C-alpha cells in the first residue's frame, strides 16, 4: 500500500533534449531558460535536461561539463565525431528517461515559452504536441523556399507530411519507445512523426531570430535534409524519370520520323546540318544525368540502411547512472 501511495505521489519528469554543435554562446543561457520556466510554470514536475554534443570545436563541451557539475538534473552525451543533423538529435531523444520528452534547438529559435503550452496539451491527452511555424523573423526568402518545399513534399508523399515542422515538440514516452524500436540508421524525425505518430496537437508560433552565434545550416545541410525526406517518403523521383523518359522517347521518335519525311520530300532544299542531333544529344544527356542523380540518392539511402551502422558512437556521458544504458544501446 505504501509503494502504491509513493508511486501516486511521485512527480512526473519532463525531459528536454537539446542537441549542440559549437553553441558556446547559447549553451548556458538555454539551460537557464529551460530550468527557470519549468520551475516557475511547471513546478509540479521534475526535469531532466539532456545535452547531446556533436563534437563541438569551441567551448561548448566545457560549459556543459560545468553545468552538469552544478545540476545533477542535467545529463550530457558527447559524440566521438559529428554524426550529422539527424542522427545525433534522434539518439538524444531515445536516451531520455522522462514521462515525456521536449526537443528543441540551443539557439533560441525554438521558444522556451512553448514548453508549458506543450505540457498543457499533453496533460489533455495528446501523445504528441508539436510547434508549427507560421512566421519567421529569419531570412524571408529562405522561409518562403522552405514553405514551398514542404508543400511539394506533402503533395508527392504518400505520408501526410507536416508543413513548417522542424522536430520542435513534445513526445510522450510511449512514442519515444516506438522510436527506440525502429533501429533506423538514418532517421528523419519529421517524417516519422507524420507517418507513425498518434493523433497530435499542433501549436502555431513565430520563429524568432537566432540569439547568438552563426547558423550551421548551409546549402549542403538543407539539400541533405531534402534528399533524405525525398528518398524516404516518396516514390515520385523514379516515377517522374520513367514517365519523362517514355515521353521524351515518343517525342524523339515522332520528330525523327518527321525529319526523315521532310528530308526525303525536300532533299535538295532541306538541310539543317548537325544542329538537331547535337541539341538532342545535349538534352538527352542532361535528362539522363539528372535522373541518374536521383537514382543515386535512392541507392545511397538504401545502402546506408542495409549497412545498419550505429546512429552515433559515444565518447562519454555525464550524470547518467553507473552502467545505466537504455534498450536503445543494444545492437539492432
C-alpha atoms as a PDB file:
ATOM      1  CA  UNK A   1       0.000   0.000   0.000  1.00  0.00           C
ATOM      2  CA  UNK A   2       2.878   2.331   0.870  1.00  0.00           C
ATOM      3  CA  UNK A   3       4.511   1.606  -2.504  1.00  0.00           C
ATOM      4  CA  UNK A   4       1.243   2.404  -4.296  1.00  0.00           C
ATOM      5  CA  UNK A   5       0.953   5.683  -2.406  1.00  0.00           C
ATOM      6  CA  UNK A   6       4.592   6.531  -3.164  1.00  0.00           C
ATOM      7  CA  UNK A   7       4.092   5.899  -6.879  1.00  0.00           C
ATOM      8  CA  UNK A   8       0.939   8.004  -6.833  1.00  0.00           C
ATOM      9  CA  UNK A   9       2.713  10.935  -5.190  1.00  0.00           C
ATOM     10  CA  UNK A  10       5.864  10.691  -7.303  1.00  0.00           C
ATOM     11  CA  UNK A  11       6.402  13.652  -9.586  1.00  0.00           C
ATOM     12  CA  UNK A  12       6.370  13.120 -13.316  1.00  0.00           C
ATOM     13  CA  UNK A  13       9.516  14.090 -15.166  1.00  0.00           C
ATOM     14  CA  UNK A  14       9.797  16.320 -18.214  1.00  0.00           C
ATOM     15  CA  UNK A  15      12.885  15.594 -20.314  1.00  0.00           C
ATOM     16  CA  UNK A  16      14.239  18.350 -22.533  1.00  0.00           C
ATOM     17  CA  UNK A  17      16.690  17.194 -25.215  1.00  0.00           C
ATOM     18  CA  UNK A  18      18.985  19.876 -26.670  1.00  0.00           C
ATOM     19  CA  UNK A  19      21.461  18.998 -29.446  1.00  0.00           C
ATOM     20  CA  UNK A  20      24.538  21.212 -29.670  1.00  0.00           C
ATOM     21  CA  UNK A  21      27.348  21.938 -32.105  1.00  0.00           C
ATOM     22  CA  UNK A  22      29.546  24.968 -31.444  1.00  0.00           C
ATOM     23  CA  UNK A  23      26.961  26.686 -29.204  1.00  0.00           C
ATOM     24  CA  UNK A  24      29.271  28.168 -26.561  1.00  0.00           C
ATOM     25  CA  UNK A  25      27.276  31.418 -26.514  1.00  0.00           C
ATOM     26  CA  UNK A  26      23.933  29.656 -26.108  1.00  0.00           C
ATOM     27  CA  UNK A  27      24.580  26.535 -24.001  1.00  0.00           C
ATOM     28  CA  UNK A  28      24.294  28.124 -20.549  1.00  0.00           C
ATOM     29  CA  UNK A  29      21.521  30.621 -21.440  1.00  0.00           C
ATOM     30  CA  UNK A  30      19.327  27.863 -22.929  1.00  0.00           C
ATOM     31  CA  UNK A  31      19.890  25.676 -19.861  1.00  0.00           C
ATOM     32  CA  UNK A  32      18.958  28.507 -17.515  1.00  0.00           C
ATOM     33  CA  UNK A  33      15.914  29.487 -19.578  1.00  0.00           C
ATOM     34  CA  UNK A  34      14.582  25.904 -19.699  1.00  0.00           C
ATOM     35  CA  UNK A  35      15.282  25.276 -15.998  1.00  0.00           C
ATOM     36  CA  UNK A  36      13.666  28.538 -14.915  1.00  0.00           C
ATOM     37  CA  UNK A  37      10.493  28.150 -16.963  1.00  0.00           C
ATOM     38  CA  UNK A  38       9.939  24.593 -15.727  1.00  0.00           C
ATOM     39  CA  UNK A  39      10.492  25.614 -12.104  1.00  0.00           C
ATOM     40  CA  UNK A  40       8.299  28.693 -12.462  1.00  0.00           C
ATOM     41  CA  UNK A  41       5.374  27.383 -14.522  1.00  0.00           C
ATOM     42  CA  UNK A  42       5.635  23.602 -14.147  1.00  0.00           C
ATOM     43  CA  UNK A  43       6.707  23.279 -10.540  1.00  0.00           C
ATOM     44  CA  UNK A  44       4.736  20.060 -10.075  1.00  0.00           C
ATOM     45  CA  UNK A  45       7.177  18.287 -12.409  1.00  0.00           C
ATOM     46  CA  UNK A  46      10.785  17.201 -12.092  1.00  0.00           C
ATOM     47  CA  UNK A  47      13.050  17.967 -15.030  1.00  0.00           C
ATOM     48  CA  UNK A  48      15.811  16.234 -16.926  1.00  0.00           C
ATOM     49  CA  UNK A  49      17.834  18.287 -19.425  1.00  0.00           C
ATOM     50  CA  UNK A  50      19.927  16.228 -21.836  1.00  0.00           C
ATOM     51  CA  UNK A  51      22.575  17.866 -23.994  1.00  0.00           C
ATOM     52  CA  UNK A  52      23.952  15.783 -26.858  1.00  0.00           C
ATOM     53  CA  UNK A  53      27.017  17.374 -28.386  1.00  0.00           C
ATOM     54  CA  UNK A  54      28.058  16.622 -31.957  1.00  0.00           C
ATOM     55  CA  UNK A  55      31.845  17.094 -31.487  1.00  0.00           C
ATOM     56  CA  UNK A  56      31.925  20.856 -30.926  1.00  0.00           C
ATOM     57  CA  UNK A  57      35.260  22.554 -31.557  1.00  0.00           C
ATOM     58  CA  UNK A  58      34.667  25.582 -29.307  1.00  0.00           C
ATOM     59  CA  UNK A  59      33.993  25.770 -25.533  1.00  0.00           C
ATOM     60  CA  UNK A  60      30.531  24.172 -25.720  1.00  0.00           C
ATOM     61  CA  UNK A  61      31.584  20.921 -24.046  1.00  0.00           C
ATOM     62  CA  UNK A  62      33.481  22.705 -21.300  1.00  0.00           C
ATOM     63  CA  UNK A  63      30.389  24.777 -20.498  1.00  0.00           C
ATOM     64  CA  UNK A  64      28.113  21.714 -20.497  1.00  0.00           C
ATOM     65  CA  UNK A  65      30.514  19.928 -18.143  1.00  0.00           C
ATOM     66  CA  UNK A  66      30.313  22.869 -15.737  1.00  0.00           C
ATOM     67  CA  UNK A  67      26.505  22.790 -15.870  1.00  0.00           C
ATOM     68  CA  UNK A  68      26.460  19.035 -15.200  1.00  0.00           C
ATOM     69  CA  UNK A  69      28.619  19.545 -12.097  1.00  0.00           C
ATOM     70  CA  UNK A  70      26.282  22.256 -10.814  1.00  0.00           C
ATOM     71  CA  UNK A  71      22.984  20.496 -11.579  1.00  0.00           C
ATOM     72  CA  UNK A  72      22.559  16.718 -11.388  1.00  0.00           C
ATOM     73  CA  UNK A  73      19.284  17.102 -13.275  1.00  0.00           C
ATOM     74  CA  UNK A  74      21.380  17.832 -16.370  1.00  0.00           C
ATOM     75  CA  UNK A  75      22.889  14.995 -18.403  1.00  0.00           C
ATOM     76  CA  UNK A  76      25.214  15.024 -21.380  1.00  0.00           C
ATOM     77  CA  UNK A  77      26.309  12.728 -24.180  1.00  0.00           C
ATOM     78  CA  UNK A  78      29.468  13.660 -26.082  1.00  0.00           C
ATOM     79  CA  UNK A  79      29.796  12.075 -29.527  1.00  0.00           C
ATOM     80  CA  UNK A  80      33.165  10.868 -30.849  1.00  0.00           C
ATOM     81  CA  UNK A  81      32.610  12.853 -34.060  1.00  0.00           C
ATOM     82  CA  UNK A  82      29.939  14.858 -35.851  1.00  0.00           C
ATOM     83  CA  UNK A  83      27.273  12.348 -36.871  1.00  0.00           C
ATOM     84  CA  UNK A  84      25.073  14.837 -38.682  1.00  0.00           C
ATOM     85  CA  UNK A  85      21.938  16.852 -38.089  1.00  0.00           C
ATOM     86  CA  UNK A  86      19.538  13.883 -37.918  1.00  0.00           C
ATOM     87  CA  UNK A  87      21.290  11.032 -36.099  1.00  0.00           C
ATOM     88  CA  UNK A  88      22.529  12.969 -33.083  1.00  0.00           C
ATOM     89  CA  UNK A  89      19.179  14.540 -32.030  1.00  0.00           C
ATOM     90  CA  UNK A  90      17.364  11.251 -32.624  1.00  0.00           C
ATOM     91  CA  UNK A  91      19.911   9.434 -30.449  1.00  0.00           C
ATOM     92  CA  UNK A  92      19.384  12.060 -27.781  1.00  0.00           C
ATOM     93  CA  UNK A  93      15.603  11.549 -27.803  1.00  0.00           C
ATOM     94  CA  UNK A  94      15.827   7.797 -27.311  1.00  0.00           C
ATOM     95  CA  UNK A  95      18.186   8.251 -24.351  1.00  0.00           C
ATOM     96  CA  UNK A  96      15.870  10.466 -22.333  1.00  0.00           C
ATOM     97  CA  UNK A  97      14.091   8.922 -19.360  1.00  0.00           C
ATOM     98  CA  UNK A  98      11.199  11.291 -18.624  1.00  0.00           C
ATOM     99  CA  UNK A  99       7.470  10.710 -18.921  1.00  0.00           C
ATOM    100  CA  UNK A 100       7.628  12.974 -21.957  1.00  0.00           C
ATOM    101  CA  UNK A 101      10.450  14.495 -23.997  1.00  0.00           C
ATOM    102  CA  UNK A 102      10.641  18.012 -25.420  1.00  0.00           C
ATOM    103  CA  UNK A 103      13.133  18.501 -28.249  1.00  0.00           C
ATOM    104  CA  UNK A 104      14.461  21.951 -29.037  1.00  0.00           C
ATOM    105  CA  UNK A 105      17.465  23.723 -30.530  1.00  0.00           C
ATOM    106  CA  UNK A 106      20.033  25.561 -28.426  1.00  0.00           C
ATOM    107  CA  UNK A 107      19.877  28.797 -30.426  1.00  0.00           C
ATOM    108  CA  UNK A 108      16.511  30.002 -29.003  1.00  0.00           C
ATOM    109  CA  UNK A 109      14.750  29.753 -32.369  1.00  0.00           C
ATOM    110  CA  UNK A 110      12.541  27.210 -30.618  1.00  0.00           C
ATOM    111  CA  UNK A 111      10.943  29.426 -27.917  1.00  0.00           C
ATOM    112  CA  UNK A 112      11.180  28.044 -24.367  1.00  0.00           C
ATOM    113  CA  UNK A 113       7.807  29.707 -23.672  1.00  0.00           C
ATOM    114  CA  UNK A 114       6.235  26.925 -25.722  1.00  0.00           C
ATOM    115  CA  UNK A 115       7.198  24.221 -23.213  1.00  0.00           C
ATOM    116  CA  UNK A 116       4.295  24.906 -20.756  1.00  0.00           C
ATOM    117  CA  UNK A 117       1.875  25.031 -23.720  1.00  0.00           C
ATOM    118  CA  UNK A 118       3.147  21.652 -24.921  1.00  0.00           C
ATOM    119  CA  UNK A 119       2.819  20.145 -21.448  1.00  0.00           C
ATOM    120  CA  UNK A 120      -0.717  21.530 -21.021  1.00  0.00           C
ATOM    121  CA  UNK A 121      -1.874  19.791 -24.207  1.00  0.00           C
ATOM    122  CA  UNK A 122      -0.035  16.628 -23.149  1.00  0.00           C
ATOM    123  CA  UNK A 123      -1.993  16.713 -19.898  1.00  0.00           C
ATOM    124  CA  UNK A 124      -5.146  16.924 -22.024  1.00  0.00           C
ATOM    125  CA  UNK A 125      -4.279  13.559 -23.548  1.00  0.00           C
ATOM    126  CA  UNK A 126      -2.233  14.274 -26.676  1.00  0.00           C
ATOM    127  CA  UNK A 127       0.767  11.951 -27.055  1.00  0.00           C
ATOM    128  CA  UNK A 128       2.481  14.322 -29.489  1.00  0.00           C
ATOM    129  CA  UNK A 129       2.365  18.119 -29.353  1.00  0.00           C
ATOM    130  CA  UNK A 130       4.395  19.969 -31.973  1.00  0.00           C
ATOM    131  CA  UNK A 131       5.310  23.532 -32.813  1.00  0.00           C
ATOM    132  CA  UNK A 132       4.351  24.710 -36.291  1.00  0.00           C
ATOM    133  CA  UNK A 133       5.940  27.867 -37.669  1.00  0.00           C
ATOM    134  CA  UNK A 134       3.514  30.372 -39.157  1.00  0.00           C
ATOM    135  CA  UNK A 135       6.045  33.199 -39.461  1.00  0.00           C
ATOM    136  CA  UNK A 136       9.774  33.609 -39.088  1.00  0.00           C
ATOM    137  CA  UNK A 137      11.994  36.570 -38.254  1.00  0.00           C
ATOM    138  CA  UNK A 138      14.826  34.940 -40.172  1.00  0.00           C
ATOM    139  CA  UNK A 139      15.548  35.356 -43.894  1.00  0.00           C
ATOM    140  CA  UNK A 140      12.117  35.702 -45.597  1.00  0.00           C
ATOM    141  CA  UNK A 141      13.414  34.150 -48.835  1.00  0.00           C
ATOM    142  CA  UNK A 142      14.630  31.043 -47.003  1.00  0.00           C
ATOM    143  CA  UNK A 143      11.327  30.799 -45.119  1.00  0.00           C
ATOM    144  CA  UNK A 144       9.395  31.023 -48.404  1.00  0.00           C
ATOM    145  CA  UNK A 145      11.597  28.376 -50.045  1.00  0.00           C
ATOM    146  CA  UNK A 146      11.119  26.048 -47.081  1.00  0.00           C
ATOM    147  CA  UNK A 147       7.363  26.553 -47.287  1.00  0.00           C
ATOM    148  CA  UNK A 148       7.428  25.696 -50.987  1.00  0.00           C
ATOM    149  CA  UNK A 149       9.475  22.580 -50.272  1.00  0.00           C
ATOM    150  CA  UNK A 150       7.064  21.402 -47.545  1.00  0.00           C
ATOM    151  CA  UNK A 151       4.082  21.857 -49.869  1.00  0.00           C
ATOM    152  CA  UNK A 152       5.770  19.911 -52.678  1.00  0.00           C
ATOM    153  CA  UNK A 153       6.708  17.094 -50.299  1.00  0.00           C
ATOM    154  CA  UNK A 154       3.168  16.967 -48.936  1.00  0.00           C
ATOM    155  CA  UNK A 155       1.759  16.516 -52.436  1.00  0.00           C
ATOM    156  CA  UNK A 156       4.363  13.991 -53.577  1.00  0.00           C
ATOM    157  CA  UNK A 157       4.465  11.811 -50.456  1.00  0.00           C
ATOM    158  CA  UNK A 158       2.020   9.078 -49.502  1.00  0.00           C
ATOM    159  CA  UNK A 159       2.517  10.272 -45.911  1.00  0.00           C
ATOM    160  CA  UNK A 160       0.719  13.433 -44.789  1.00  0.00           C
ATOM    161  CA  UNK A 161       3.886  15.476 -44.216  1.00  0.00           C
ATOM    162  CA  UNK A 162       3.704  18.357 -41.732  1.00  0.00           C
ATOM    163  CA  UNK A 163       4.350  21.821 -43.124  1.00  0.00           C
ATOM    164  CA  UNK A 164       6.849  24.123 -41.352  1.00  0.00           C
ATOM    165  CA  UNK A 165       7.706  21.487 -38.734  1.00  0.00           C
ATOM    166  CA  UNK A 166      11.345  21.189 -37.654  1.00  0.00           C
ATOM    167  CA  UNK A 167      11.022  18.488 -34.986  1.00  0.00           C
ATOM    168  CA  UNK A 168      10.381  21.000 -32.178  1.00  0.00           C
ATOM    169  CA  UNK A 169       7.727  19.494 -29.930  1.00  0.00           C
ATOM    170  CA  UNK A 170       6.775  17.183 -27.085  1.00  0.00           C
ATOM    171  CA  UNK A 171       6.683  13.395 -27.385  1.00  0.00           C
ATOM    172  CA  UNK A 172       5.088  11.076 -24.852  1.00  0.00           C
ATOM    173  CA  UNK A 173       7.308   8.282 -23.555  1.00  0.00           C
ATOM    174  CA  UNK A 174       5.120   5.741 -25.363  1.00  0.00           C
ATOM    175  CA  UNK A 175       6.097   7.321 -28.705  1.00  0.00           C
ATOM    176  CA  UNK A 176       9.738   7.548 -27.612  1.00  0.00           C
ATOM    177  CA  UNK A 177       9.543   3.770 -27.028  1.00  0.00           C
ATOM    178  CA  UNK A 178       8.383   3.432 -30.643  1.00  0.00           C
ATOM    179  CA  UNK A 179      11.424   5.421 -31.780  1.00  0.00           C
ATOM    180  CA  UNK A 180      13.698   3.129 -29.759  1.00  0.00           C
ATOM    181  CA  UNK A 181      12.325   0.097 -31.573  1.00  0.00           C
ATOM    182  CA  UNK A 182      12.783   1.444 -35.113  1.00  0.00           C
ATOM    183  CA  UNK A 183      16.542   0.854 -35.437  1.00  0.00           C
ATOM    184  CA  UNK A 184      16.703   3.200 -38.426  1.00  0.00           C
ATOM    185  CA  UNK A 185      20.340   4.209 -39.172  1.00  0.00           C
ATOM    186  CA  UNK A 186      19.244   7.409 -40.954  1.00  0.00           C
ATOM    187  CA  UNK A 187      16.117   8.542 -39.080  1.00  0.00           C
ATOM    188  CA  UNK A 188      14.101  11.537 -40.267  1.00  0.00           C
ATOM    189  CA  UNK A 189      12.075  12.526 -37.209  1.00  0.00           C
ATOM    190  CA  UNK A 190       9.781  14.908 -39.116  1.00  0.00           C
ATOM    191  CA  UNK A 191       8.667  12.112 -41.423  1.00  0.00           C
ATOM    192  CA  UNK A 192       8.460   9.524 -38.631  1.00  0.00           C
ATOM    193  CA  UNK A 193       6.131  11.751 -36.609  1.00  0.00           C
ATOM    194  CA  UNK A 194       3.866  12.198 -39.637  1.00  0.00           C
ATOM    195  CA  UNK A 195       3.951   8.507 -40.564  1.00  0.00           C
ATOM    196  CA  UNK A 196       3.898   6.648 -37.242  1.00  0.00           C
ATOM    197  CA  UNK A 197       2.813   9.191 -34.635  1.00  0.00           C
ATOM    198  CA  UNK A 198      -0.594   9.041 -32.933  1.00  0.00           C
ATOM    199  CA  UNK A 199      -3.052  11.941 -33.082  1.00  0.00           C
ATOM    200  CA  UNK A 200      -1.126  15.143 -32.481  1.00  0.00           C
ATOM    201  CA  UNK A 201      -1.797  18.711 -31.449  1.00  0.00           C
ATOM    202  CA  UNK A 202      -0.177  21.489 -33.491  1.00  0.00           C
ATOM    203  CA  UNK A 203       0.569  24.831 -31.826  1.00  0.00           C
ATOM    204  CA  UNK A 204       1.478  27.729 -34.067  1.00  0.00           C
ATOM    205  CA  UNK A 205       4.343  30.078 -33.249  1.00  0.00           C
ATOM    206  CA  UNK A 206       6.556  32.754 -34.777  1.00  0.00           C
ATOM    207  CA  UNK A 207      10.161  31.676 -35.101  1.00  0.00           C
ATOM    208  CA  UNK A 208      12.485  34.295 -33.563  1.00  0.00           C
ATOM    209  CA  UNK A 209      15.965  35.141 -34.755  1.00  0.00           C
ATOM    210  CA  UNK A 210      18.921  33.120 -33.568  1.00  0.00           C
ATOM    211  CA  UNK A 211      20.063  34.518 -30.190  1.00  0.00           C
ATOM    212  CA  UNK A 212      23.830  34.331 -30.805  1.00  0.00           C
ATOM    213  CA  UNK A 213      26.431  32.621 -32.963  1.00  0.00           C
ATOM    214  CA  UNK A 214      26.184  31.573 -36.576  1.00  0.00           C
ATOM    215  CA  UNK A 215      23.708  29.155 -38.092  1.00  0.00           C
ATOM    216  CA  UNK A 216      25.156  25.791 -39.084  1.00  0.00           C
ATOM    217  CA  UNK A 217      22.698  25.390 -41.936  1.00  0.00           C
ATOM    218  CA  UNK A 218      24.057  25.801 -45.434  1.00  0.00           C
ATOM    219  CA  UNK A 219      23.168  24.615 -48.906  1.00  0.00           C
ATOM    220  CA  UNK A 220      24.612  21.157 -48.257  1.00  0.00           C
ATOM    221  CA  UNK A 221      22.737  20.550 -44.977  1.00  0.00           C
ATOM    222  CA  UNK A 222      19.458  21.802 -46.475  1.00  0.00           C
ATOM    223  CA  UNK A 223      19.982  19.650 -49.587  1.00  0.00           C
ATOM    224  CA  UNK A 224      20.784  16.661 -47.358  1.00  0.00           C
ATOM    225  CA  UNK A 225      17.519  17.148 -45.454  1.00  0.00           C
ATOM    226  CA  UNK A 226      15.538  17.497 -48.681  1.00  0.00           C
ATOM    227  CA  UNK A 227      17.040  14.353 -50.235  1.00  0.00           C
ATOM    228  CA  UNK A 228      16.577  12.274 -47.079  1.00  0.00           C
ATOM    229  CA  UNK A 229      12.878  13.103 -46.898  1.00  0.00           C
ATOM    230  CA  UNK A 230      12.516  12.725 -50.668  1.00  0.00           C
ATOM    231  CA  UNK A 231      14.082   9.256 -50.831  1.00  0.00           C
ATOM    232  CA  UNK A 232      12.463   8.030 -47.584  1.00  0.00           C
ATOM    233  CA  UNK A 233       8.908   9.207 -48.176  1.00  0.00           C
ATOM    234  CA  UNK A 234       8.308   9.493 -51.924  1.00  0.00           C
ATOM    235  CA  UNK A 235       8.468   7.283 -54.990  1.00  0.00           C
ATOM    236  CA  UNK A 236       7.961  10.254 -57.245  1.00  0.00           C
ATOM    237  CA  UNK A 237      11.573  10.714 -58.333  1.00  0.00           C
ATOM    238  CA  UNK A 238      11.850   7.384 -60.100  1.00  0.00           C
ATOM    239  CA  UNK A 239       8.294   7.558 -61.416  1.00  0.00           C
ATOM    240  CA  UNK A 240       8.897  11.004 -62.905  1.00  0.00           C
ATOM    241  CA  UNK A 241      12.057   9.590 -64.511  1.00  0.00           C
ATOM    242  CA  UNK A 242      10.064   6.697 -66.005  1.00  0.00           C
ATOM    243  CA  UNK A 243       7.261   8.867 -67.380  1.00  0.00           C
ATOM    244  CA  UNK A 244       9.604  11.574 -68.608  1.00  0.00           C
ATOM    245  CA  UNK A 245      11.878   9.040 -70.271  1.00  0.00           C
ATOM    246  CA  UNK A 246       8.920   7.444 -72.031  1.00  0.00           C
ATOM    247  CA  UNK A 247       7.545  10.845 -73.111  1.00  0.00           C
ATOM    248  CA  UNK A 248      10.897  12.028 -74.453  1.00  0.00           C
ATOM    249  CA  UNK A 249      11.330   8.751 -76.315  1.00  0.00           C
ATOM    250  CA  UNK A 250       7.937   9.161 -78.013  1.00  0.00           C
ATOM    251  CA  UNK A 251       8.614  12.826 -78.877  1.00  0.00           C
ATOM    252  CA  UNK A 252      12.067  11.963 -80.215  1.00  0.00           C
ATOM    253  CA  UNK A 253      10.625   9.151 -82.334  1.00  0.00           C
ATOM    254  CA  UNK A 254       7.954  11.449 -83.807  1.00  0.00           C
ATOM    255  CA  UNK A 255      10.495  14.200 -84.523  1.00  0.00           C
ATOM    256  CA  UNK A 256      12.820  11.643 -86.097  1.00  0.00           C
ATOM    257  CA  UNK A 257      10.082  10.378 -88.430  1.00  0.00           C
ATOM    258  CA  UNK A 258       9.074  13.952 -89.326  1.00  0.00           C
ATOM    259  CA  UNK A 259      12.687  14.879 -90.038  1.00  0.00           C
ATOM    260  CA  UNK A 260      13.125  11.801 -92.244  1.00  0.00           C
ATOM    261  CA  UNK A 261       9.950  12.566 -94.228  1.00  0.00           C
ATOM    262  CA  UNK A 262      10.961  16.211 -94.726  1.00  0.00           C
ATOM    263  CA  UNK A 263      14.417  15.112 -95.790  1.00  0.00           C
ATOM    264  CA  UNK A 264      13.024  12.694 -98.383  1.00  0.00           C
ATOM    265  CA  UNK A 265      10.425  15.124 -99.720  1.00  0.00           C
ATOM    266  CA  UNK A 266      12.642  18.199 -99.890  1.00  0.00           C
ATOM    267  CA  UNK A 267      16.085  16.664-100.045  1.00  0.00           C
ATOM    268  CA  UNK A 268      17.539  19.453-102.178  1.00  0.00           C
ATOM    269  CA  UNK A 269      16.190  22.389-100.162  1.00  0.00           C
ATOM    270  CA  UNK A 270      16.098  20.869 -96.675  1.00  0.00           C
ATOM    271  CA  UNK A 271      19.406  20.921 -94.849  1.00  0.00           C
ATOM    272  CA  UNK A 272      19.843  21.594 -91.117  1.00  0.00           C
ATOM    273  CA  UNK A 273      23.291  20.079 -90.656  1.00  0.00           C
ATOM    274  CA  UNK A 274      24.171  18.559 -87.307  1.00  0.00           C
ATOM    275  CA  UNK A 275      22.248  21.060 -85.154  1.00  0.00           C
ATOM    276  CA  UNK A 276      19.219  18.838 -84.401  1.00  0.00           C
ATOM    277  CA  UNK A 277      21.456  15.918 -83.490  1.00  0.00           C
ATOM    278  CA  UNK A 278      23.650  17.984 -81.161  1.00  0.00           C
ATOM    279  CA  UNK A 279      20.666  19.628 -79.447  1.00  0.00           C
ATOM    280  CA  UNK A 280      19.033  16.224 -78.924  1.00  0.00           C
ATOM    281  CA  UNK A 281      22.239  14.721 -77.531  1.00  0.00           C
ATOM    282  CA  UNK A 282      22.784  17.518 -75.026  1.00  0.00           C
ATOM    283  CA  UNK A 283      19.117  17.483 -73.994  1.00  0.00           C
ATOM    284  CA  UNK A 284      19.003  13.723 -73.515  1.00  0.00           C
ATOM    285  CA  UNK A 285      22.376  13.759 -71.740  1.00  0.00           C
ATOM    286  CA  UNK A 286      21.125  16.341 -69.254  1.00  0.00           C
ATOM    287  CA  UNK A 287      17.919  14.408 -68.571  1.00  0.00           C
ATOM    288  CA  UNK A 288      19.798  11.129 -68.127  1.00  0.00           C
ATOM    289  CA  UNK A 289      22.367  12.637 -65.743  1.00  0.00           C
ATOM    290  CA  UNK A 290      19.655  14.328 -63.667  1.00  0.00           C
ATOM    291  CA  UNK A 291      17.750  11.117 -63.117  1.00  0.00           C
ATOM    292  CA  UNK A 292      20.899   9.096 -62.556  1.00  0.00           C
ATOM    293  CA  UNK A 293      21.484  11.558 -59.704  1.00  0.00           C
ATOM    294  CA  UNK A 294      18.011  10.839 -58.319  1.00  0.00           C
ATOM    295  CA  UNK A 295      18.648   7.109 -58.605  1.00  0.00           C
ATOM    296  CA  UNK A 296      21.969   7.529 -56.837  1.00  0.00           C
ATOM    297  CA  UNK A 297      20.253   9.259 -53.899  1.00  0.00           C
ATOM    298  CA  UNK A 298      17.833   6.338 -53.515  1.00  0.00           C
ATOM    299  CA  UNK A 299      20.673   3.807 -53.755  1.00  0.00           C
ATOM    300  CA  UNK A 300      22.798   5.664 -51.180  1.00  0.00           C
ATOM    301  CA  UNK A 301      19.847   5.765 -48.776  1.00  0.00           C
ATOM    302  CA  UNK A 302      19.227   2.025 -49.239  1.00  0.00           C
ATOM    303  CA  UNK A 303      22.931   1.267 -48.850  1.00  0.00           C
ATOM    304  CA  UNK A 304      23.132   3.143 -45.554  1.00  0.00           C
ATOM    305  CA  UNK A 305      20.114   1.284 -44.203  1.00  0.00           C
ATOM    306  CA  UNK A 306      21.488  -2.103 -45.289  1.00  0.00           C
ATOM    307  CA  UNK A 307      24.822  -1.434 -43.551  1.00  0.00           C
ATOM    308  CA  UNK A 308      22.849  -0.780 -40.330  1.00  0.00           C
ATOM    309  CA  UNK A 309      25.625   1.189 -38.678  1.00  0.00           C
ATOM    310  CA  UNK A 310      25.040   2.743 -35.226  1.00  0.00           C
ATOM    311  CA  UNK A 311      23.355   6.134 -35.037  1.00  0.00           C
ATOM    312  CA  UNK A 312      26.303   7.633 -33.174  1.00  0.00           C
ATOM    313  CA  UNK A 313      29.334   6.436 -31.227  1.00  0.00           C
ATOM    314  CA  UNK A 314      29.664   7.977 -27.791  1.00  0.00           C
ATOM    315  CA  UNK A 315      32.884   9.397 -26.440  1.00  0.00           C
ATOM    316  CA  UNK A 316      31.477   9.721 -22.926  1.00  0.00           C
ATOM    317  CA  UNK A 317      28.362  10.601 -20.965  1.00  0.00           C
ATOM    318  CA  UNK A 318      27.813  12.690 -17.844  1.00  0.00           C
ATOM    319  CA  UNK A 319      25.371  12.296 -14.916  1.00  0.00           C
ATOM    320  CA  UNK A 320      23.899   9.023 -16.182  1.00  0.00           C
ATOM    321  CA  UNK A 321      23.527   6.213 -13.618  1.00  0.00           C
ATOM    322  CA  UNK A 322      26.618   3.997 -13.329  1.00  0.00           C
ATOM    323  CA  UNK A 323      26.431   1.491 -16.154  1.00  0.00           C
ATOM    324  CA  UNK A 324      22.973   2.841 -16.890  1.00  0.00           C
ATOM    325  CA  UNK A 325      22.085   2.276 -20.516  1.00  0.00           C
ATOM    326  CA  UNK A 326      18.707   2.075 -22.160  1.00  0.00           C
ATOM    327  CA  UNK A 327      17.387  -0.562 -24.511  1.00  0.00           C
ATOM    328  CA  UNK A 328      18.400   1.765 -27.322  1.00  0.00           C
ATOM    329  CA  UNK A 329      22.052   0.915 -26.638  1.00  0.00           C
ATOM    330  CA  UNK A 330      21.578  -2.725 -27.533  1.00  0.00           C
ATOM    331  CA  UNK A 331      22.736  -3.616 -31.074  1.00  0.00           C
ATOM    332  CA  UNK A 332      19.994  -3.811 -33.691  1.00  0.00           C
END
